[in-house]
C-alpha cells in the first residue's frame, strides 16, 4: 500500500490527520476493528457482538471505515442478501493500537473507577 507524506497540524480544525484520529478514536470504530480482528463478520454478527450500538450507528461507522480504506464490504447475491465486512491491510495495521487501548482500559479500570468515585464524592 502506498504511503503519502502530508503536512498536518493536528490541532487545526480542518486537518486531515485530525479527521483520521476522529475516525479511529471513535468508540464504535474501535469496537468494530477489535471485533473484526479475528476475521470477517456479517453485519448481524457485528451488531450482536457490539452491545448498545444501534443499527444506524453501526451502518454509519462501517461506511466511514470503508470510506477511509480500513474495512471492506462484500455483498453476496443470495436470498436473503448477505454482506460481509473485513479489515483491509490498512485496517489490520490498527490492531496493535486498538488492542493497546483495550489492554490499558482493562488494566487500569479499577484505578479509573476509584478516581470517579473520589470525584463524585466531592
PDB file of N, CA and C in Angstrom:
ATOM      1  N   UNK A   1       0.839  -1.173   0.000  1.00  0.00           N
ATOM      2  CA  UNK A   1       0.000   0.000   0.000  1.00  0.00           C
ATOM      3  C   UNK A   1       0.885   1.238   0.000  1.00  0.00           C
ATOM      4  N   UNK A   2       0.501   2.225  -0.751  1.00  0.00           N
ATOM      5  CA  UNK A   2       1.294   3.435  -0.907  1.00  0.00           C
ATOM      6  C   UNK A   2       1.086   4.377   0.269  1.00  0.00           C
ATOM      7  N   UNK A   3       2.176   4.886   0.805  1.00  0.00           N
ATOM      8  CA  UNK A   3       2.126   5.861   1.881  1.00  0.00           C
ATOM      9  C   UNK A   3       2.463   7.231   1.302  1.00  0.00           C
ATOM     10  N   UNK A   4       1.644   8.211   1.631  1.00  0.00           N
ATOM     11  CA  UNK A   4       1.835   9.555   1.109  1.00  0.00           C
ATOM     12  C   UNK A   4       2.134  10.478   2.271  1.00  0.00           C
ATOM     13  N   UNK A   5       3.210  11.228   2.158  1.00  0.00           N
ATOM     14  CA  UNK A   5       3.608  12.193   3.190  1.00  0.00           C
ATOM     15  C   UNK A   5       2.773  13.455   3.021  1.00  0.00           C
ATOM     16  N   UNK A   6       2.058  13.841   4.077  1.00  0.00           N
ATOM     17  CA  UNK A   6       1.213  15.022   4.035  1.00  0.00           C
ATOM     18  C   UNK A   6       1.520  15.860   5.266  1.00  0.00           C
ATOM     19  N   UNK A   7       1.678  17.172   5.055  1.00  0.00           N
ATOM     20  CA  UNK A   7       1.878  18.056   6.195  1.00  0.00           C
ATOM     21  C   UNK A   7       0.569  18.171   6.949  1.00  0.00           C
ATOM     22  N   UNK A   8       0.661  18.176   8.275  1.00  0.00           N
ATOM     23  CA  UNK A   8      -0.561  18.302   9.047  1.00  0.00           C
ATOM     24  C   UNK A   8      -0.297  19.031  10.356  1.00  0.00           C
ATOM     25  N   UNK A   9      -1.346  19.636  10.849  1.00  0.00           N
ATOM     26  CA  UNK A   9      -1.336  20.274  12.152  1.00  0.00           C
ATOM     27  C   UNK A   9      -2.552  19.734  12.882  1.00  0.00           C
ATOM     28  N   UNK A  10      -2.331  18.742  13.697  1.00  0.00           N
ATOM     29  CA  UNK A  10      -3.394  18.024  14.381  1.00  0.00           C
ATOM     30  C   UNK A  10      -4.346  18.938  15.134  1.00  0.00           C
ATOM     31  N   UNK A  11      -3.882  20.093  15.529  1.00  0.00           N
ATOM     32  CA  UNK A  11      -4.700  20.999  16.317  1.00  0.00           C
ATOM     33  C   UNK A  11      -5.536  21.944  15.454  1.00  0.00           C
ATOM     34  N   UNK A  12      -5.305  21.943  14.154  1.00  0.00           N
ATOM     35  CA  UNK A  12      -6.096  22.758  13.240  1.00  0.00           C
ATOM     36  C   UNK A  12      -7.423  22.061  12.944  1.00  0.00           C
ATOM     37  N   UNK A  13      -8.481  22.827  12.927  1.00  0.00           N
ATOM     38  CA  UNK A  13      -9.844  22.297  12.765  1.00  0.00           C
ATOM     39  C   UNK A  13     -10.018  21.408  11.540  1.00  0.00           C
ATOM     40  N   UNK A  14      -9.461  21.791  10.414  1.00  0.00           N
ATOM     41  CA  UNK A  14      -9.673  21.059   9.165  1.00  0.00           C
ATOM     42  C   UNK A  14      -8.518  20.141   8.776  1.00  0.00           C
ATOM     43  N   UNK A  15      -7.673  19.810   9.719  1.00  0.00           N
ATOM     44  CA  UNK A  15      -6.522  18.958   9.451  1.00  0.00           C
ATOM     45  C   UNK A  15      -6.978  17.529   9.121  1.00  0.00           C
ATOM     46  N   UNK A  16      -6.411  16.971   8.061  1.00  0.00           N
ATOM     47  CA  UNK A  16      -6.742  15.597   7.681  1.00  0.00           C
ATOM     48  C   UNK A  16      -6.377  14.581   8.752  1.00  0.00           C
ATOM     49  N   UNK A  17      -5.234  14.796   9.424  1.00  0.00           N
ATOM     50  CA  UNK A  17      -4.829  13.871  10.489  1.00  0.00           C
ATOM     51  C   UNK A  17      -5.842  13.876  11.625  1.00  0.00           C
ATOM     52  N   UNK A  18      -6.364  15.046  11.918  1.00  0.00           N
ATOM     53  CA  UNK A  18      -7.374  15.151  12.981  1.00  0.00           C
ATOM     54  C   UNK A  18      -8.625  14.376  12.595  1.00  0.00           C
ATOM     55  N   UNK A  19      -8.998  14.434  11.328  1.00  0.00           N
ATOM     56  CA  UNK A  19     -10.165  13.689  10.857  1.00  0.00           C
ATOM     57  C   UNK A  19      -9.930  12.180  10.966  1.00  0.00           C
ATOM     58  N   UNK A  20      -8.714  11.749  10.676  1.00  0.00           N
ATOM     59  CA  UNK A  20      -8.386  10.326  10.805  1.00  0.00           C
ATOM     60  C   UNK A  20      -8.456   9.908  12.273  1.00  0.00           C
ATOM     61  N   UNK A  21      -7.924  10.730  13.168  1.00  0.00           N
ATOM     62  CA  UNK A  21      -7.985  10.411  14.605  1.00  0.00           C
ATOM     63  C   UNK A  21      -9.425  10.374  15.082  1.00  0.00           C
ATOM     64  N   UNK A  22     -10.243  11.303  14.580  1.00  0.00           N
ATOM     65  CA  UNK A  22     -11.667  11.269  14.933  1.00  0.00           C
ATOM     66  C   UNK A  22     -12.285   9.932  14.540  1.00  0.00           C
ATOM     67  N   UNK A  23     -11.923   9.422  13.367  1.00  0.00           N
ATOM     68  CA  UNK A  23     -12.484   8.152  12.900  1.00  0.00           C
ATOM     69  C   UNK A  23     -11.992   6.987  13.756  1.00  0.00           C
ATOM     70  N   UNK A  24     -10.673   6.877  13.907  1.00  0.00           N
ATOM     71  CA  UNK A  24     -10.149   5.690  14.588  1.00  0.00           C
ATOM     72  C   UNK A  24     -10.272   5.786  16.102  1.00  0.00           C
ATOM     73  N   UNK A  25     -10.529   6.986  16.615  1.00  0.00           N
ATOM     74  CA  UNK A  25     -10.696   7.153  18.055  1.00  0.00           C
ATOM     75  C   UNK A  25     -12.134   7.049  18.508  1.00  0.00           C
ATOM     76  N   UNK A  26     -13.048   6.964  17.577  1.00  0.00           N
ATOM     77  CA  UNK A  26     -14.461   6.824  17.890  1.00  0.00           C
ATOM     78  C   UNK A  26     -14.707   5.464  18.554  1.00  0.00           C
ATOM     79  N   UNK A  27     -15.507   5.446  19.600  1.00  0.00           N
ATOM     80  CA  UNK A  27     -15.694   4.183  20.337  1.00  0.00           C
ATOM     81  C   UNK A  27     -16.251   3.069  19.471  1.00  0.00           C
ATOM     82  N   UNK A  28     -17.190   3.387  18.573  1.00  0.00           N
ATOM     83  CA  UNK A  28     -17.753   2.335  17.738  1.00  0.00           C
ATOM     84  C   UNK A  28     -16.719   1.824  16.752  1.00  0.00           C
ATOM     85  N   UNK A  29     -15.891   2.710  16.220  1.00  0.00           N
ATOM     86  CA  UNK A  29     -14.843   2.276  15.288  1.00  0.00           C
ATOM     87  C   UNK A  29     -13.860   1.345  15.974  1.00  0.00           C
ATOM     88  N   UNK A  30     -13.457   1.689  17.189  1.00  0.00           N
ATOM     89  CA  UNK A  30     -12.536   0.841  17.943  1.00  0.00           C
ATOM     90  C   UNK A  30     -13.152  -0.539  18.150  1.00  0.00           C
ATOM     91  N   UNK A  31     -14.424  -0.579  18.537  1.00  0.00           N
ATOM     92  CA  UNK A  31     -15.075  -1.863  18.787  1.00  0.00           C
ATOM     93  C   UNK A  31     -15.253  -2.676  17.502  1.00  0.00           C
ATOM     94  N   UNK A  32     -15.541  -2.010  16.401  1.00  0.00           N
ATOM     95  CA  UNK A  32     -15.654  -2.727  15.119  1.00  0.00           C
ATOM     96  C   UNK A  32     -14.301  -3.313  14.728  1.00  0.00           C
ATOM     97  N   UNK A  33     -13.248  -2.526  14.819  1.00  0.00           N
ATOM     98  CA  UNK A  33     -11.910  -3.026  14.468  1.00  0.00           C
ATOM     99  C   UNK A  33     -11.547  -4.222  15.348  1.00  0.00           C
ATOM    100  N   UNK A  34     -11.790  -4.125  16.651  1.00  0.00           N
ATOM    101  CA  UNK A  34     -11.486  -5.243  17.547  1.00  0.00           C
ATOM    102  C   UNK A  34     -12.322  -6.474  17.207  1.00  0.00           C
ATOM    103  N   UNK A  35     -13.576  -6.270  16.849  1.00  0.00           N
ATOM    104  CA  UNK A  35     -14.448  -7.397  16.509  1.00  0.00           C
ATOM    105  C   UNK A  35     -14.006  -8.080  15.223  1.00  0.00           C
ATOM    106  N   UNK A  36     -13.482  -7.309  14.284  1.00  0.00           N
ATOM    107  CA  UNK A  36     -13.035  -7.877  13.010  1.00  0.00           C
ATOM    108  C   UNK A  36     -11.602  -8.412  13.065  1.00  0.00           C
ATOM    109  N   UNK A  37     -10.957  -8.297  14.212  1.00  0.00           N
ATOM    110  CA  UNK A  37      -9.553  -8.713  14.336  1.00  0.00           C
ATOM    111  C   UNK A  37      -9.331 -10.177  13.973  1.00  0.00           C
ATOM    112  N   UNK A  38     -10.292 -11.033  14.297  1.00  0.00           N
ATOM    113  CA  UNK A  38     -10.100 -12.461  14.032  1.00  0.00           C
ATOM    114  C   UNK A  38     -10.766 -12.924  12.739  1.00  0.00           C
ATOM    115  N   UNK A  39     -11.151 -11.970  11.894  1.00  0.00           N
ATOM    116  CA  UNK A  39     -11.702 -12.339  10.593  1.00  0.00           C
ATOM    117  C   UNK A  39     -12.990 -11.611  10.279  1.00  0.00           C
ATOM    118  N   UNK A  40     -13.449 -11.782   9.048  1.00  0.00           N
ATOM    119  CA  UNK A  40     -14.644 -11.106   8.572  1.00  0.00           C
ATOM    120  C   UNK A  40     -15.892 -11.518   9.328  1.00  0.00           C
ATOM    121  N   UNK A  41     -16.850 -10.607   9.344  1.00  0.00           N
ATOM    122  CA  UNK A  41     -18.120 -10.847  10.045  1.00  0.00           C
ATOM    123  C   UNK A  41     -19.261 -10.275   9.211  1.00  0.00           C
ATOM    124  N   UNK A  42     -20.428 -10.847   9.391  1.00  0.00           N
ATOM    125  CA  UNK A  42     -21.646 -10.305   8.813  1.00  0.00           C
ATOM    126  C   UNK A  42     -22.128  -9.160   9.680  1.00  0.00           C
ATOM    127  N   UNK A  43     -22.955  -8.308   9.091  1.00  0.00           N
ATOM    128  CA  UNK A  43     -23.496  -7.155   9.821  1.00  0.00           C
ATOM    129  C   UNK A  43     -24.171  -7.609  11.113  1.00  0.00           C
ATOM    130  N   UNK A  44     -24.988  -8.659  11.018  1.00  0.00           N
ATOM    131  CA  UNK A  44     -25.714  -9.129  12.207  1.00  0.00           C
ATOM    132  C   UNK A  44     -24.770  -9.644  13.286  1.00  0.00           C
ATOM    133  N   UNK A  45     -23.665 -10.258  12.890  1.00  0.00           N
ATOM    134  CA  UNK A  45     -22.674 -10.716  13.870  1.00  0.00           C
ATOM    135  C   UNK A  45     -22.049  -9.531  14.598  1.00  0.00           C
ATOM    136  N   UNK A  46     -21.736  -8.488  13.843  1.00  0.00           N
ATOM    137  CA  UNK A  46     -21.169  -7.278  14.447  1.00  0.00           C
ATOM    138  C   UNK A  46     -22.172  -6.660  15.418  1.00  0.00           C
ATOM    139  N   UNK A  47     -23.417  -6.549  14.990  1.00  0.00           N
ATOM    140  CA  UNK A  47     -24.455  -5.939  15.824  1.00  0.00           C
ATOM    141  C   UNK A  47     -24.658  -6.723  17.114  1.00  0.00           C
ATOM    142  N   UNK A  48     -24.626  -8.050  17.035  1.00  0.00           N
ATOM    143  CA  UNK A  48     -24.785  -8.880  18.246  1.00  0.00           C
ATOM    144  C   UNK A  48     -23.602  -8.739  19.192  1.00  0.00           C
ATOM    145  N   UNK A  49     -22.411  -8.674  18.627  1.00  0.00           N
ATOM    146  CA  UNK A  49     -21.190  -8.621  19.447  1.00  0.00           C
ATOM    147  C   UNK A  49     -21.010  -7.274  20.132  1.00  0.00           C
ATOM    148  N   UNK A  50     -21.372  -6.197  19.447  1.00  0.00           N
ATOM    149  CA  UNK A  50     -21.147  -4.850  19.977  1.00  0.00           C
ATOM    150  C   UNK A  50     -22.444  -4.365  20.627  1.00  0.00           C
ATOM    151  N   UNK A  51     -22.615  -4.704  21.875  1.00  0.00           N
ATOM    152  CA  UNK A  51     -23.834  -4.354  22.596  1.00  0.00           C
ATOM    153  C   UNK A  51     -23.997  -2.843  22.688  1.00  0.00           C
ATOM    154  N   UNK A  52     -25.219  -2.382  22.469  1.00  0.00           N
ATOM    155  CA  UNK A  52     -25.525  -0.969  22.626  1.00  0.00           C
ATOM    156  C   UNK A  52     -25.432  -0.148  21.356  1.00  0.00           C
ATOM    157  N   UNK A  53     -24.852  -0.690  20.297  1.00  0.00           N
ATOM    158  CA  UNK A  53     -24.756   0.067  19.048  1.00  0.00           C
ATOM    159  C   UNK A  53     -26.076  -0.094  18.286  1.00  0.00           C
ATOM    160  N   UNK A  54     -26.618   1.015  17.820  1.00  0.00           N
ATOM    161  CA  UNK A  54     -27.848   0.950  17.028  1.00  0.00           C
ATOM    162  C   UNK A  54     -27.498   0.520  15.601  1.00  0.00           C
ATOM    163  N   UNK A  55     -28.488   0.055  14.887  1.00  0.00           N
ATOM    164  CA  UNK A  55     -28.275  -0.352  13.501  1.00  0.00           C
ATOM    165  C   UNK A  55     -27.794   0.847  12.685  1.00  0.00           C
ATOM    166  N   UNK A  56     -28.383   2.005  12.932  1.00  0.00           N
ATOM    167  CA  UNK A  56     -27.996   3.216  12.205  1.00  0.00           C
ATOM    168  C   UNK A  56     -26.540   3.584  12.493  1.00  0.00           C
ATOM    169  N   UNK A  57     -26.141   3.538  13.763  1.00  0.00           N
ATOM    170  CA  UNK A  57     -24.770   3.918  14.130  1.00  0.00           C
ATOM    171  C   UNK A  57     -23.761   2.917  13.589  1.00  0.00           C
ATOM    172  N   UNK A  58     -24.100   1.634  13.625  1.00  0.00           N
ATOM    173  CA  UNK A  58     -23.197   0.615  13.082  1.00  0.00           C
ATOM    174  C   UNK A  58     -23.042   0.802  11.580  1.00  0.00           C
ATOM    175  N   UNK A  59     -24.144   1.083  10.898  1.00  0.00           N
ATOM    176  CA  UNK A  59     -24.085   1.329   9.456  1.00  0.00           C
ATOM    177  C   UNK A  59     -23.200   2.527   9.151  1.00  0.00           C
ATOM    178  N   UNK A  60     -23.386   3.632   9.879  1.00  0.00           N
ATOM    179  CA  UNK A  60     -22.574   4.834   9.658  1.00  0.00           C
ATOM    180  C   UNK A  60     -21.096   4.569   9.938  1.00  0.00           C
ATOM    181  N   UNK A  61     -20.829   3.827  11.009  1.00  0.00           N
ATOM    182  CA  UNK A  61     -19.446   3.515  11.375  1.00  0.00           C
ATOM    183  C   UNK A  61     -18.791   2.666  10.292  1.00  0.00           C
ATOM    184  N   UNK A  62     -19.482   1.637   9.835  1.00  0.00           N
ATOM    185  CA  UNK A  62     -18.934   0.770   8.794  1.00  0.00           C
ATOM    186  C   UNK A  62     -18.698   1.533   7.500  1.00  0.00           C
ATOM    187  N   UNK A  63     -19.616   2.421   7.142  1.00  0.00           N
ATOM    188  CA  UNK A  63     -19.441   3.215   5.926  1.00  0.00           C
ATOM    189  C   UNK A  63     -18.224   4.127   6.045  1.00  0.00           C
ATOM    190  N   UNK A  64     -18.059   4.745   7.206  1.00  0.00           N
ATOM    191  CA  UNK A  64     -16.899   5.614   7.417  1.00  0.00           C
ATOM    192  C   UNK A  64     -15.596   4.835   7.367  1.00  0.00           C
ATOM    193  N   UNK A  65     -15.570   3.670   7.981  1.00  0.00           N
ATOM    194  CA  UNK A  65     -14.369   2.832   7.967  1.00  0.00           C
ATOM    195  C   UNK A  65     -14.063   2.335   6.552  1.00  0.00           C
ATOM    196  N   UNK A  66     -15.114   2.028   5.811  1.00  0.00           N
ATOM    197  CA  UNK A  66     -14.934   1.601   4.422  1.00  0.00           C
ATOM    198  C   UNK A  66     -14.409   2.769   3.580  1.00  0.00           C
ATOM    199  N   UNK A  67     -14.986   3.944   3.764  1.00  0.00           N
ATOM    200  CA  UNK A  67     -14.557   5.133   3.014  1.00  0.00           C
ATOM    201  C   UNK A  67     -13.088   5.440   3.264  1.00  0.00           C
ATOM    202  N   UNK A  68     -12.643   5.237   4.509  1.00  0.00           N
ATOM    203  CA  UNK A  68     -11.262   5.523   4.876  1.00  0.00           C
ATOM    204  C   UNK A  68     -10.307   4.379   4.537  1.00  0.00           C
ATOM    205  N   UNK A  69     -10.825   3.326   3.927  1.00  0.00           N
ATOM    206  CA  UNK A  69      -9.966   2.221   3.491  1.00  0.00           C
ATOM    207  C   UNK A  69      -9.571   1.256   4.578  1.00  0.00           C
ATOM    208  N   UNK A  70     -10.310   1.251   5.681  1.00  0.00           N
ATOM    209  CA  UNK A  70      -9.966   0.390   6.815  1.00  0.00           C
ATOM    210  C   UNK A  70     -10.750  -0.916   6.817  1.00  0.00           C
ATOM    211  N   UNK A  71     -11.892  -0.921   6.138  1.00  0.00           N
ATOM    212  CA  UNK A  71     -12.786  -2.083   6.109  1.00  0.00           C
ATOM    213  C   UNK A  71     -13.246  -2.303   4.677  1.00  0.00           C
ATOM    214  N   UNK A  72     -13.408  -3.564   4.311  1.00  0.00           N
ATOM    215  CA  UNK A  72     -14.020  -3.893   3.022  1.00  0.00           C
ATOM    216  C   UNK A  72     -15.429  -4.403   3.268  1.00  0.00           C
ATOM    217  N   UNK A  73     -16.281  -4.152   2.307  1.00  0.00           N
ATOM    218  CA  UNK A  73     -17.673  -4.614   2.343  1.00  0.00           C
ATOM    219  C   UNK A  73     -17.870  -5.495   1.121  1.00  0.00           C
ATOM    220  N   UNK A  74     -18.286  -6.737   1.363  1.00  0.00           N
ATOM    221  CA  UNK A  74     -18.521  -7.665   0.258  1.00  0.00           C
ATOM    222  C   UNK A  74     -19.970  -8.113   0.300  1.00  0.00           C
ATOM    223  N   UNK A  75     -20.718  -7.768  -0.755  1.00  0.00           N
ATOM    224  CA  UNK A  75     -22.124  -8.160  -0.861  1.00  0.00           C
ATOM    225  C   UNK A  75     -22.210  -9.439  -1.694  1.00  0.00           C
ATOM    226  N   UNK A  76     -22.962 -10.400  -1.194  1.00  0.00           N
ATOM    227  CA  UNK A  76     -23.159 -11.672  -1.893  1.00  0.00           C
ATOM    228  C   UNK A  76     -24.576 -11.706  -2.457  1.00  0.00           C
ATOM    229  N   UNK A  77     -24.710 -12.160  -3.688  1.00  0.00           N
ATOM    230  CA  UNK A  77     -26.011 -12.228  -4.357  1.00  0.00           C
ATOM    231  C   UNK A  77     -26.763 -13.467  -3.895  1.00  0.00           C
ATOM    232  N   UNK A  78     -27.278 -13.414  -2.688  1.00  0.00           N
ATOM    233  CA  UNK A  78     -28.044 -14.523  -2.128  1.00  0.00           C
ATOM    234  C   UNK A  78     -29.384 -13.990  -1.643  1.00  0.00           C
ATOM    235  N   UNK A  79     -30.290 -14.906  -1.338  1.00  0.00           N
ATOM    236  CA  UNK A  79     -31.568 -14.533  -0.741  1.00  0.00           C
ATOM    237  C   UNK A  79     -31.650 -15.236   0.604  1.00  0.00           C
ATOM    238  N   UNK A  80     -31.719 -14.494   1.711  1.00  0.00           N
ATOM    239  CA  UNK A  80     -31.636 -13.031   1.788  1.00  0.00           C
ATOM    240  C   UNK A  80     -30.209 -12.557   1.480  1.00  0.00           C
ATOM    241  N   UNK A  81     -30.075 -11.258   1.155  1.00  0.00           N
ATOM    242  CA  UNK A  81     -28.745 -10.735   0.842  1.00  0.00           C
ATOM    243  C   UNK A  81     -27.780 -10.928   2.008  1.00  0.00           C
ATOM    244  N   UNK A  82     -26.543 -11.189   1.684  1.00  0.00           N
ATOM    245  CA  UNK A  82     -25.512 -11.370   2.704  1.00  0.00           C
ATOM    246  C   UNK A  82     -24.394 -10.380   2.437  1.00  0.00           C
ATOM    247  N   UNK A  83     -24.002  -9.666   3.492  1.00  0.00           N
ATOM    248  CA  UNK A  83     -22.920  -8.694   3.383  1.00  0.00           C
ATOM    249  C   UNK A  83     -21.887  -9.014   4.459  1.00  0.00           C
ATOM    250  N   UNK A  84     -20.644  -9.130   4.039  1.00  0.00           N
ATOM    251  CA  UNK A  84     -19.547  -9.402   4.968  1.00  0.00           C
ATOM    252  C   UNK A  84     -18.634  -8.189   5.055  1.00  0.00           C
ATOM    253  N   UNK A  85     -18.087  -7.969   6.242  1.00  0.00           N
ATOM    254  CA  UNK A  85     -17.131  -6.889   6.485  1.00  0.00           C
ATOM    255  C   UNK A  85     -15.838  -7.502   6.989  1.00  0.00           C
ATOM    256  N   UNK A  86     -14.723  -6.954   6.539  1.00  0.00           N
ATOM    257  CA  UNK A  86     -13.410  -7.437   6.970  1.00  0.00           C
ATOM    258  C   UNK A  86     -12.442  -6.260   7.000  1.00  0.00           C
ATOM    259  N   UNK A  87     -11.403  -6.401   7.793  1.00  0.00           N
ATOM    260  CA  UNK A  87     -10.360  -5.380   7.836  1.00  0.00           C
ATOM    261  C   UNK A  87      -9.502  -5.469   6.580  1.00  0.00           C
ATOM    262  N   UNK A  88      -9.122  -4.335   6.067  1.00  0.00           N
ATOM    263  CA  UNK A  88      -8.146  -4.282   4.983  1.00  0.00           C
ATOM    264  C   UNK A  88      -6.755  -4.372   5.614  1.00  0.00           C
ATOM    265  N   UNK A  89      -5.746  -4.373   4.784  1.00  0.00           N
ATOM    266  CA  UNK A  89      -4.367  -4.355   5.304  1.00  0.00           C
ATOM    267  C   UNK A  89      -4.157  -3.096   6.162  1.00  0.00           C
ATOM    268  N   UNK A  90      -4.673  -1.984   5.683  1.00  0.00           N
ATOM    269  CA  UNK A  90      -4.569  -0.733   6.447  1.00  0.00           C
ATOM    270  C   UNK A  90      -5.320  -0.846   7.774  1.00  0.00           C
ATOM    271  N   UNK A  91      -6.494  -1.435   7.747  1.00  0.00           N
ATOM    272  CA  UNK A  91      -7.272  -1.642   8.972  1.00  0.00           C
ATOM    273  C   UNK A  91      -6.554  -2.561   9.948  1.00  0.00           C
ATOM    274  N   UNK A  92      -5.921  -3.614   9.434  1.00  0.00           N
ATOM    275  CA  UNK A  92      -5.183  -4.538  10.300  1.00  0.00           C
ATOM    276  C   UNK A  92      -4.003  -3.833  10.968  1.00  0.00           C
ATOM    277  N   UNK A  93      -3.471  -2.801  10.303  1.00  0.00           N
ATOM    278  CA  UNK A  93      -2.351  -2.074  10.895  1.00  0.00           C
ATOM    279  C   UNK A  93      -2.773  -1.309  12.148  1.00  0.00           C
ATOM    280  N   UNK A  94      -4.066  -1.157  12.374  1.00  0.00           N
ATOM    281  CA  UNK A  94      -4.583  -0.503  13.579  1.00  0.00           C
ATOM    282  C   UNK A  94      -4.684  -1.439  14.781  1.00  0.00           C
ATOM    283  N   UNK A  95      -4.574  -2.733  14.545  1.00  0.00           N
ATOM    284  CA  UNK A  95      -4.846  -3.699  15.613  1.00  0.00           C
ATOM    285  C   UNK A  95      -3.959  -3.527  16.839  1.00  0.00           C
ATOM    286  N   UNK A  96      -2.661  -3.288  16.647  1.00  0.00           N
ATOM    287  CA  UNK A  96      -1.790  -3.091  17.807  1.00  0.00           C
ATOM    288  C   UNK A  96      -2.240  -1.890  18.624  1.00  0.00           C
ATOM    289  N   UNK A  97      -2.603  -0.822  17.932  1.00  0.00           N
ATOM    290  CA  UNK A  97      -3.038   0.399  18.602  1.00  0.00           C
ATOM    291  C   UNK A  97      -4.323   0.175  19.399  1.00  0.00           C
ATOM    292  N   UNK A  98      -5.356  -0.351  18.749  1.00  0.00           N
ATOM    293  CA  UNK A  98      -6.630  -0.508  19.457  1.00  0.00           C
ATOM    294  C   UNK A  98      -6.563  -1.634  20.492  1.00  0.00           C
ATOM    295  N   UNK A  99      -5.760  -2.650  20.235  1.00  0.00           N
ATOM    296  CA  UNK A  99      -5.563  -3.698  21.251  1.00  0.00           C
ATOM    297  C   UNK A  99      -4.852  -3.118  22.469  1.00  0.00           C
ATOM    298  N   UNK A 100      -3.931  -2.186  22.218  1.00  0.00           N
ATOM    299  CA  UNK A 100      -3.255  -1.495  23.313  1.00  0.00           C
ATOM    300  C   UNK A 100      -4.226  -0.668  24.143  1.00  0.00           C
ATOM    301  N   UNK A 101      -5.158   0.015  23.481  1.00  0.00           N
ATOM    302  CA  UNK A 101      -6.189   0.770  24.198  1.00  0.00           C
ATOM    303  C   UNK A 101      -7.049  -0.153  25.052  1.00  0.00           C
ATOM    304  N   UNK A 102      -7.424  -1.288  24.460  1.00  0.00           N
ATOM    305  CA  UNK A 102      -8.233  -2.266  25.189  1.00  0.00           C
ATOM    306  C   UNK A 102      -7.467  -2.782  26.412  1.00  0.00           C
ATOM    307  N   UNK A 103      -6.208  -3.104  26.237  1.00  0.00           N
ATOM    308  CA  UNK A 103      -5.389  -3.605  27.349  1.00  0.00           C
ATOM    309  C   UNK A 103      -5.231  -2.550  28.436  1.00  0.00           C
ATOM    310  N   UNK A 104      -4.990  -1.299  28.032  1.00  0.00           N
ATOM    311  CA  UNK A 104      -4.841  -0.223  29.008  1.00  0.00           C
ATOM    312  C   UNK A 104      -6.126  -0.047  29.808  1.00  0.00           C
ATOM    313  N   UNK A 105      -7.264  -0.030  29.111  1.00  0.00           N
ATOM    314  CA  UNK A 105      -8.555   0.147  29.777  1.00  0.00           C
ATOM    315  C   UNK A 105      -8.817  -0.983  30.769  1.00  0.00           C
ATOM    316  N   UNK A 106      -8.507  -2.198  30.381  1.00  0.00           N
ATOM    317  CA  UNK A 106      -8.713  -3.350  31.255  1.00  0.00           C
ATOM    318  C   UNK A 106      -7.780  -3.293  32.468  1.00  0.00           C
ATOM    319  N   UNK A 107      -6.523  -2.978  32.233  1.00  0.00           N
ATOM    320  CA  UNK A 107      -5.527  -2.915  33.304  1.00  0.00           C
ATOM    321  C   UNK A 107      -5.833  -1.823  34.313  1.00  0.00           C
ATOM    322  N   UNK A 108      -6.297  -0.669  33.841  1.00  0.00           N
ATOM    323  CA  UNK A 108      -6.470   0.493  34.710  1.00  0.00           C
ATOM    324  C   UNK A 108      -7.918   0.771  35.102  1.00  0.00           C
ATOM    325  N   UNK A 109      -8.821  -0.153  34.808  1.00  0.00           N
ATOM    326  CA  UNK A 109     -10.236   0.052  35.105  1.00  0.00           C
ATOM    327  C   UNK A 109     -10.474   0.331  36.583  1.00  0.00           C
ATOM    328  N   UNK A 110      -9.844  -0.434  37.447  1.00  0.00           N
ATOM    329  CA  UNK A 110     -10.023  -0.231  38.889  1.00  0.00           C
ATOM    330  C   UNK A 110      -9.589   1.158  39.332  1.00  0.00           C
ATOM    331  N   UNK A 111      -8.471   1.624  38.804  1.00  0.00           N
ATOM    332  CA  UNK A 111      -7.971   2.956  39.155  1.00  0.00           C
ATOM    333  C   UNK A 111      -8.910   4.051  38.646  1.00  0.00           C
ATOM    334  N   UNK A 112      -9.426   3.876  37.445  1.00  0.00           N
ATOM    335  CA  UNK A 112     -10.343   4.861  36.878  1.00  0.00           C
ATOM    336  C   UNK A 112     -11.639   4.888  37.688  1.00  0.00           C
ATOM    337  N   UNK A 113     -12.158   3.718  38.042  1.00  0.00           N
ATOM    338  CA  UNK A 113     -13.385   3.670  38.837  1.00  0.00           C
ATOM    339  C   UNK A 113     -13.179   4.299  40.208  1.00  0.00           C
ATOM    340  N   UNK A 114     -12.012   4.075  40.812  1.00  0.00           N
ATOM    341  CA  UNK A 114     -11.709   4.694  42.110  1.00  0.00           C
ATOM    342  C   UNK A 114     -11.625   6.214  41.973  1.00  0.00           C
ATOM    343  N   UNK A 115     -11.003   6.704  40.918  1.00  0.00           N
ATOM    344  CA  UNK A 115     -10.907   8.149  40.681  1.00  0.00           C
ATOM    345  C   UNK A 115     -12.295   8.743  40.478  1.00  0.00           C
ATOM    346  N   UNK A 116     -13.152   8.054  39.746  1.00  0.00           N
ATOM    347  CA  UNK A 116     -14.524   8.524  39.550  1.00  0.00           C
ATOM    348  C   UNK A 116     -15.268   8.608  40.878  1.00  0.00           C
ATOM    349  N   UNK A 117     -15.099   7.597  41.687  1.00  0.00           N
ATOM    350  CA  UNK A 117     -15.777   7.575  42.990  1.00  0.00           C
ATOM    351  C   UNK A 117     -15.300   8.745  43.853  1.00  0.00           C
ATOM    352  N   UNK A 118     -13.998   8.996  43.872  1.00  0.00           N
ATOM    353  CA  UNK A 118     -13.450  10.135  44.634  1.00  0.00           C
ATOM    354  C   UNK A 118     -14.007  11.451  44.100  1.00  0.00           C
ATOM    355  N   UNK A 119     -14.037  11.594  42.793  1.00  0.00           N
ATOM    356  CA  UNK A 119     -14.554  12.815  42.180  1.00  0.00           C
ATOM    357  C   UNK A 119     -16.028  13.011  42.523  1.00  0.00           C
ATOM    358  N   UNK A 120     -16.816  11.956  42.367  1.00  0.00           N
ATOM    359  CA  UNK A 120     -18.258  12.037  42.616  1.00  0.00           C
ATOM    360  C   UNK A 120     -18.578  12.301  44.085  1.00  0.00           C
ATOM    361  N   UNK A 121     -17.686  11.902  44.981  1.00  0.00           N
ATOM    362  CA  UNK A 121     -17.896  12.093  46.426  1.00  0.00           C
ATOM    363  C   UNK A 121     -17.635  13.527  46.851  1.00  0.00           C
ATOM    364  N   UNK A 122     -17.003  14.324  46.015  1.00  0.00           N
ATOM    365  CA  UNK A 122     -16.690  15.709  46.385  1.00  0.00           C
ATOM    366  C   UNK A 122     -17.933  16.552  46.465  1.00  0.00           C
TER     367      UNK A 122
END
